[in-house]
Amino acid sequence: MPQCLGIKATFERCHSNAIEGGIHCRMHARHQARYDERFGPHVPGLCHFVNATGRCELEHEANELICMHHRHARERNVARRQEQERDEQEIEETYEQYMAVIPRPQWQNVIDELINRAGFPRAFPGYLRPDIAR
């Protein structure tokens, strides 16, 4: 069976199989019918990305179903996810380091060190000192 030609919100191609005699899976076929009714049929050669405001009117790239704009958006999303995973890993490692220290440090010392590591200025709004009156 051929692969669905639908584009997901992550700007990636749908991995489902197309329904028999069609070019979309069941979900994308339903959406495509609504988009065709609302915005007219898809123009060959144009980007396959569609949202609530309409169809993308840029030409799709060779060997892709989306235009350069949406490809760059997909690349930014991937980079953002990778950065988030790195941050979560660093947080986990930092937590494990602090839990391994005996005696455990006071919470304010931990916050001071984390703020220094992150490079935030002392006036950072999230920086709370109990010894300073509000």
N, C-alpha and C. Protein backbone atom coordinates (compact mmCIF):
# COMPACT_ATOMS: atom_id res chain seq x y z
N MET A 1 0.84 -1.19 0.00
CA MET A 1 0.00 0.00 0.00
C MET A 1 0.88 1.24 0.00
N PRO A 2 0.46 2.29 -0.70
CA PRO A 2 1.26 3.52 -0.71
C PRO A 2 1.16 4.26 0.63
N GLN A 3 2.16 5.08 0.89
CA GLN A 3 2.18 5.87 2.12
C GLN A 3 1.29 7.10 1.95
N CYS A 4 0.66 7.52 3.03
CA CYS A 4 -0.21 8.69 3.04
C CYS A 4 0.60 9.93 2.66
N LEU A 5 0.01 10.83 1.89
CA LEU A 5 0.67 12.07 1.49
C LEU A 5 0.38 13.21 2.46
N GLY A 6 -0.30 12.93 3.56
CA GLY A 6 -0.63 13.97 4.54
C GLY A 6 0.60 14.45 5.27
N ILE A 7 0.57 15.71 5.70
CA ILE A 7 1.66 16.31 6.46
C ILE A 7 1.14 16.56 7.87
N LYS A 8 1.88 16.06 8.87
CA LYS A 8 1.49 16.23 10.27
C LYS A 8 1.83 17.64 10.74
N ALA A 9 1.35 18.00 11.92
CA ALA A 9 1.61 19.33 12.48
C ALA A 9 3.09 19.56 12.76
N THR A 10 3.87 18.48 12.85
CA THR A 10 5.31 18.59 13.06
C THR A 10 6.05 18.78 11.75
N PHE A 11 5.31 18.99 10.64
CA PHE A 11 5.85 19.20 9.30
C PHE A 11 6.52 17.95 8.75
N GLU A 12 6.19 16.80 9.30
CA GLU A 12 6.72 15.53 8.81
C GLU A 12 5.62 14.80 8.06
N ARG A 13 6.01 13.95 7.17
CA ARG A 13 5.05 13.18 6.39
C ARG A 13 4.40 12.12 7.28
N CYS A 14 3.12 11.88 7.06
CA CYS A 14 2.38 10.85 7.80
C CYS A 14 2.98 9.48 7.47
N HIS A 15 3.09 8.64 8.48
CA HIS A 15 3.68 7.32 8.29
C HIS A 15 2.64 6.23 8.08
N SER A 16 1.38 6.60 8.06
CA SER A 16 0.32 5.60 7.88
C SER A 16 0.19 5.22 6.40
N ASN A 17 -0.44 4.09 6.16
CA ASN A 17 -0.72 3.68 4.78
C ASN A 17 -1.97 4.39 4.28
N ALA A 18 -1.99 4.68 3.00
CA ALA A 18 -3.15 5.31 2.39
C ALA A 18 -4.27 4.28 2.27
N ILE A 19 -5.51 4.76 2.30
CA ILE A 19 -6.63 3.86 2.11
C ILE A 19 -6.65 3.40 0.65
N GLU A 20 -7.27 2.28 0.40
CA GLU A 20 -7.30 1.74 -0.97
C GLU A 20 -7.95 2.73 -1.91
N GLY A 21 -7.28 2.97 -3.04
CA GLY A 21 -7.81 3.88 -4.05
C GLY A 21 -7.61 5.34 -3.72
N GLY A 22 -6.91 5.66 -2.65
CA GLY A 22 -6.70 7.06 -2.26
C GLY A 22 -5.23 7.36 -2.04
N ILE A 23 -4.97 8.61 -1.70
CA ILE A 23 -3.59 9.03 -1.45
C ILE A 23 -3.38 9.41 0.01
N HIS A 24 -4.44 9.34 0.82
CA HIS A 24 -4.35 9.71 2.24
C HIS A 24 -4.85 8.57 3.12
N CYS A 25 -4.39 8.58 4.38
CA CYS A 25 -4.93 7.65 5.37
C CYS A 25 -6.34 8.13 5.74
N ARG A 26 -7.03 7.38 6.58
CA ARG A 26 -8.41 7.76 6.94
C ARG A 26 -8.48 9.15 7.56
N MET A 27 -7.59 9.44 8.49
CA MET A 27 -7.64 10.73 9.17
C MET A 27 -7.36 11.89 8.20
N HIS A 28 -6.30 11.76 7.42
CA HIS A 28 -5.97 12.84 6.50
C HIS A 28 -6.97 12.95 5.35
N ALA A 29 -7.61 11.85 4.98
CA ALA A 29 -8.65 11.91 3.95
C ALA A 29 -9.83 12.75 4.43
N ARG A 30 -10.22 12.56 5.71
CA ARG A 30 -11.30 13.38 6.27
C ARG A 30 -10.93 14.85 6.27
N HIS A 31 -9.71 15.14 6.76
CA HIS A 31 -9.27 16.53 6.80
C HIS A 31 -9.16 17.12 5.39
N GLN A 32 -8.61 16.33 4.47
CA GLN A 32 -8.43 16.81 3.11
C GLN A 32 -9.76 17.14 2.46
N ALA A 33 -10.79 16.33 2.72
CA ALA A 33 -12.12 16.61 2.17
C ALA A 33 -12.63 17.95 2.68
N ARG A 34 -12.43 18.22 3.98
CA ARG A 34 -12.86 19.51 4.52
C ARG A 34 -12.06 20.66 3.93
N TYR A 35 -10.73 20.47 3.77
CA TYR A 35 -9.90 21.52 3.18
C TYR A 35 -10.26 21.77 1.73
N ASP A 36 -10.54 20.69 0.98
CA ASP A 36 -10.93 20.86 -0.43
C ASP A 36 -12.22 21.64 -0.52
N GLU A 37 -13.16 21.36 0.38
CA GLU A 37 -14.44 22.07 0.39
C GLU A 37 -14.23 23.54 0.75
N ARG A 38 -13.35 23.80 1.68
CA ARG A 38 -13.16 25.16 2.18
C ARG A 38 -12.21 26.00 1.32
N PHE A 39 -11.10 25.39 0.86
CA PHE A 39 -10.08 26.16 0.15
C PHE A 39 -9.90 25.78 -1.32
N GLY A 40 -10.65 24.80 -1.80
CA GLY A 40 -10.48 24.34 -3.16
C GLY A 40 -9.47 23.21 -3.21
N PRO A 41 -9.35 22.55 -4.37
CA PRO A 41 -8.45 21.40 -4.46
C PRO A 41 -6.98 21.81 -4.38
N HIS A 42 -6.16 20.84 -4.01
CA HIS A 42 -4.71 21.07 -3.93
C HIS A 42 -4.14 21.28 -5.33
N VAL A 43 -3.27 22.27 -5.46
CA VAL A 43 -2.63 22.55 -6.74
C VAL A 43 -1.32 21.76 -6.80
N PRO A 44 -1.15 20.90 -7.80
CA PRO A 44 0.10 20.14 -7.90
C PRO A 44 1.31 21.06 -7.96
N GLY A 45 2.37 20.64 -7.27
CA GLY A 45 3.61 21.43 -7.26
C GLY A 45 3.71 22.37 -6.08
N LEU A 46 2.60 22.61 -5.39
CA LEU A 46 2.64 23.49 -4.22
C LEU A 46 2.80 22.66 -2.95
N CYS A 47 3.24 23.31 -1.91
CA CYS A 47 3.44 22.69 -0.60
C CYS A 47 2.15 22.00 -0.15
N HIS A 48 2.29 20.84 0.48
CA HIS A 48 1.13 20.08 0.93
C HIS A 48 0.64 20.52 2.31
N PHE A 49 1.31 21.47 2.95
CA PHE A 49 0.93 21.86 4.30
C PHE A 49 -0.34 22.72 4.25
N VAL A 50 -1.30 22.35 5.11
CA VAL A 50 -2.57 23.07 5.21
C VAL A 50 -2.85 23.28 6.68
N ASN A 51 -3.32 24.48 7.04
CA ASN A 51 -3.78 24.71 8.40
C ASN A 51 -5.14 25.40 8.34
N ALA A 52 -5.64 25.85 9.44
CA ALA A 52 -7.00 26.41 9.49
C ALA A 52 -7.15 27.68 8.66
N THR A 53 -6.04 28.37 8.38
CA THR A 53 -6.13 29.62 7.63
C THR A 53 -6.02 29.41 6.12
N GLY A 54 -5.59 28.24 5.70
CA GLY A 54 -5.52 27.97 4.27
C GLY A 54 -4.35 27.09 3.88
N ARG A 55 -4.19 26.94 2.60
CA ARG A 55 -3.09 26.13 2.06
C ARG A 55 -1.85 27.00 1.89
N CYS A 56 -0.70 26.37 2.04
CA CYS A 56 0.55 27.07 1.77
C CYS A 56 0.65 27.26 0.26
N GLU A 57 1.03 28.45 -0.18
CA GLU A 57 1.06 28.75 -1.60
C GLU A 57 2.47 28.75 -2.18
N LEU A 58 3.43 28.22 -1.43
CA LEU A 58 4.80 28.15 -1.93
C LEU A 58 5.03 26.80 -2.62
N GLU A 59 5.96 26.79 -3.57
CA GLU A 59 6.27 25.54 -4.27
C GLU A 59 7.02 24.60 -3.34
N HIS A 60 6.69 23.31 -3.44
CA HIS A 60 7.41 22.35 -2.60
C HIS A 60 8.77 22.06 -3.22
N GLU A 61 9.69 21.65 -2.35
CA GLU A 61 11.04 21.35 -2.80
C GLU A 61 11.07 19.99 -3.50
N ALA A 62 12.11 19.77 -4.27
CA ALA A 62 12.29 18.48 -4.93
C ALA A 62 12.48 17.40 -3.86
N ASN A 63 11.86 16.27 -4.05
CA ASN A 63 11.93 15.13 -3.13
C ASN A 63 11.29 15.42 -1.77
N GLU A 64 10.54 16.48 -1.65
CA GLU A 64 9.84 16.83 -0.41
C GLU A 64 8.39 17.15 -0.78
N LEU A 65 7.51 17.08 0.20
CA LEU A 65 6.13 17.49 -0.03
C LEU A 65 5.86 18.87 0.55
N ILE A 66 6.87 19.45 1.19
CA ILE A 66 6.69 20.76 1.82
C ILE A 66 7.70 21.76 1.24
N CYS A 67 7.40 23.03 1.43
CA CYS A 67 8.25 24.10 0.91
C CYS A 67 9.45 24.34 1.84
N MET A 68 10.32 25.22 1.41
CA MET A 68 11.52 25.53 2.19
C MET A 68 11.15 26.12 3.55
N HIS A 69 10.13 26.97 3.59
CA HIS A 69 9.70 27.60 4.85
C HIS A 69 9.30 26.53 5.87
N HIS A 70 8.49 25.57 5.46
CA HIS A 70 8.04 24.54 6.38
C HIS A 70 9.15 23.54 6.70
N ARG A 71 10.08 23.33 5.79
CA ARG A 71 11.23 22.47 6.09
C ARG A 71 12.09 23.10 7.17
N HIS A 72 12.30 24.42 7.06
CA HIS A 72 13.08 25.12 8.10
C HIS A 72 12.35 25.08 9.44
N ALA A 73 11.03 25.21 9.43
CA ALA A 73 10.25 25.12 10.67
C ALA A 73 10.42 23.73 11.29
N ARG A 74 10.41 22.70 10.46
CA ARG A 74 10.61 21.33 10.96
C ARG A 74 12.01 21.20 11.58
N GLU A 75 13.02 21.75 10.92
CA GLU A 75 14.39 21.69 11.45
C GLU A 75 14.52 22.44 12.77
N ARG A 76 13.83 23.59 12.90
CA ARG A 76 13.85 24.32 14.17
C ARG A 76 13.18 23.51 15.27
N ASN A 77 12.08 22.84 14.95
CA ASN A 77 11.39 21.99 15.94
C ASN A 77 12.30 20.86 16.41
N VAL A 78 13.01 20.24 15.48
CA VAL A 78 13.92 19.15 15.84
C VAL A 78 15.03 19.68 16.73
N ALA A 79 15.61 20.83 16.37
CA ALA A 79 16.68 21.42 17.18
C ALA A 79 16.17 21.79 18.57
N ARG A 80 14.96 22.31 18.65
CA ARG A 80 14.37 22.69 19.95
C ARG A 80 14.16 21.46 20.83
N ARG A 81 13.68 20.35 20.23
CA ARG A 81 13.50 19.12 20.99
C ARG A 81 14.84 18.57 21.49
N GLN A 82 15.87 18.62 20.64
CA GLN A 82 17.18 18.14 21.05
C GLN A 82 17.74 18.99 22.19
N GLU A 83 17.55 20.30 22.11
CA GLU A 83 18.01 21.19 23.17
C GLU A 83 17.27 20.91 24.47
N GLN A 84 15.98 20.67 24.38
CA GLN A 84 15.19 20.35 25.57
C GLN A 84 15.66 19.04 26.19
N GLU A 85 15.96 18.04 25.37
CA GLU A 85 16.46 16.77 25.88
C GLU A 85 17.81 16.94 26.57
N ARG A 86 18.69 17.78 25.99
CA ARG A 86 19.99 18.06 26.62
C ARG A 86 19.80 18.74 27.97
N ASP A 87 18.88 19.72 28.02
CA ASP A 87 18.61 20.42 29.27
C ASP A 87 18.09 19.46 30.33
N GLU A 88 17.17 18.58 29.94
CA GLU A 88 16.62 17.61 30.90
C GLU A 88 17.70 16.67 31.39
N GLN A 89 18.59 16.26 30.51
CA GLN A 89 19.70 15.38 30.90
C GLN A 89 20.63 16.10 31.89
N GLU A 90 20.92 17.37 31.61
CA GLU A 90 21.79 18.14 32.50
C GLU A 90 21.13 18.32 33.87
N ILE A 91 19.84 18.56 33.89
CA ILE A 91 19.11 18.70 35.15
C ILE A 91 19.20 17.40 35.95
N GLU A 92 19.00 16.27 35.26
CA GLU A 92 19.07 14.98 35.94
C GLU A 92 20.46 14.72 36.51
N GLU A 93 21.49 15.04 35.72
CA GLU A 93 22.87 14.85 36.20
C GLU A 93 23.17 15.75 37.39
N THR A 94 22.72 17.00 37.32
CA THR A 94 22.94 17.94 38.42
C THR A 94 22.24 17.45 39.68
N TYR A 95 21.00 16.97 39.53
CA TYR A 95 20.26 16.44 40.67
C TYR A 95 21.01 15.28 41.30
N GLU A 96 21.49 14.37 40.48
CA GLU A 96 22.22 13.22 41.00
C GLU A 96 23.50 13.64 41.72
N GLN A 97 24.18 14.68 41.19
CA GLN A 97 25.40 15.18 41.85
C GLN A 97 25.08 15.71 43.24
N TYR A 98 24.01 16.49 43.35
CA TYR A 98 23.66 17.07 44.64
C TYR A 98 23.18 16.01 45.63
N MET A 99 22.49 14.99 45.14
CA MET A 99 22.00 13.96 46.04
C MET A 99 23.14 13.06 46.53
N ALA A 100 24.26 13.04 45.80
CA ALA A 100 25.40 12.21 46.20
C ALA A 100 26.25 12.89 47.29
N VAL A 101 26.10 14.20 47.46
CA VAL A 101 26.90 14.94 48.44
C VAL A 101 26.36 14.69 49.84
N ILE A 102 27.27 14.38 50.77
CA ILE A 102 26.88 14.20 52.17
C ILE A 102 27.80 15.06 53.01
N PRO A 103 27.35 15.94 53.84
CA PRO A 103 25.95 16.27 54.10
C PRO A 103 25.37 17.07 52.93
N ARG A 104 24.09 16.98 52.77
CA ARG A 104 23.43 17.66 51.66
C ARG A 104 23.55 19.17 51.82
N PRO A 105 23.78 19.88 50.71
CA PRO A 105 23.90 21.34 50.79
C PRO A 105 22.55 22.00 51.10
N GLN A 106 22.63 23.19 51.65
CA GLN A 106 21.41 23.96 51.91
C GLN A 106 20.81 24.37 50.57
N TRP A 107 19.49 24.51 50.52
CA TRP A 107 18.82 24.78 49.26
C TRP A 107 19.28 26.09 48.64
N GLN A 108 19.58 27.10 49.45
CA GLN A 108 20.01 28.38 48.89
C GLN A 108 21.37 28.26 48.21
N ASN A 109 22.25 27.44 48.76
CA ASN A 109 23.55 27.23 48.11
C ASN A 109 23.37 26.54 46.75
N VAL A 110 22.42 25.61 46.68
CA VAL A 110 22.15 24.94 45.41
C VAL A 110 21.62 25.93 44.39
N ILE A 111 20.68 26.78 44.81
CA ILE A 111 20.11 27.78 43.89
C ILE A 111 21.20 28.74 43.43
N ASP A 112 22.05 29.20 44.35
CA ASP A 112 23.15 30.10 43.98
C ASP A 112 24.03 29.46 42.91
N GLU A 113 24.39 28.21 43.10
CA GLU A 113 25.28 27.55 42.13
C GLU A 113 24.58 27.34 40.79
N LEU A 114 23.31 26.96 40.81
CA LEU A 114 22.60 26.76 39.55
C LEU A 114 22.44 28.06 38.78
N ILE A 115 22.19 29.15 39.48
CA ILE A 115 22.08 30.45 38.82
C ILE A 115 23.42 30.86 38.23
N ASN A 116 24.50 30.58 38.97
CA ASN A 116 25.82 30.88 38.43
C ASN A 116 26.12 30.04 37.19
N ARG A 117 25.76 28.76 37.21
CA ARG A 117 25.97 27.88 36.06
C ARG A 117 25.19 28.35 34.85
N ALA A 118 23.95 28.77 35.08
CA ALA A 118 23.10 29.20 33.98
C ALA A 118 23.50 30.57 33.46
N GLY A 119 24.27 31.32 34.23
CA GLY A 119 24.71 32.64 33.80
C GLY A 119 23.68 33.73 33.98
N PHE A 120 22.71 33.50 34.86
CA PHE A 120 21.71 34.53 35.10
C PHE A 120 22.30 35.61 36.01
N PRO A 121 21.91 36.87 35.78
CA PRO A 121 22.38 37.92 36.68
C PRO A 121 21.71 37.80 38.06
N ARG A 122 22.29 38.42 39.04
CA ARG A 122 21.74 38.35 40.40
C ARG A 122 20.35 38.99 40.49
N ALA A 123 20.02 39.87 39.56
CA ALA A 123 18.72 40.53 39.58
C ALA A 123 17.66 39.70 38.85
N PHE A 124 18.01 38.47 38.47
CA PHE A 124 17.07 37.58 37.78
C PHE A 124 15.81 37.43 38.64
N PRO A 125 14.61 37.60 38.03
CA PRO A 125 13.37 37.56 38.82
C PRO A 125 13.15 36.26 39.59
N GLY A 126 13.67 35.16 39.11
CA GLY A 126 13.49 33.89 39.80
C GLY A 126 14.47 33.68 40.93
N TYR A 127 15.36 34.62 41.11
CA TYR A 127 16.40 34.49 42.13
C TYR A 127 15.86 35.03 43.45
N LEU A 128 15.58 34.16 44.38
CA LEU A 128 15.00 34.57 45.66
C LEU A 128 16.01 34.37 46.77
N ARG A 129 16.16 35.37 47.58
CA ARG A 129 17.04 35.27 48.74
C ARG A 129 16.17 35.47 49.98
N PRO A 130 16.18 34.52 50.90
CA PRO A 130 15.34 34.66 52.09
C PRO A 130 15.83 35.76 53.01
N ASP A 131 17.12 36.16 52.89
CA ASP A 131 17.66 37.17 53.78
C ASP A 131 17.35 38.59 53.30
N ILE A 132 16.74 38.71 52.11
CA ILE A 132 16.36 40.02 51.58
C ILE A 132 14.85 40.17 51.72
N ALA A 133 14.43 41.23 52.39
CA ALA A 133 13.00 41.47 52.57
C ALA A 133 12.40 41.94 51.25
N ARG A 134 11.18 41.54 51.02
CA ARG A 134 10.50 41.95 49.78
C ARG A 134 9.83 43.27 49.95
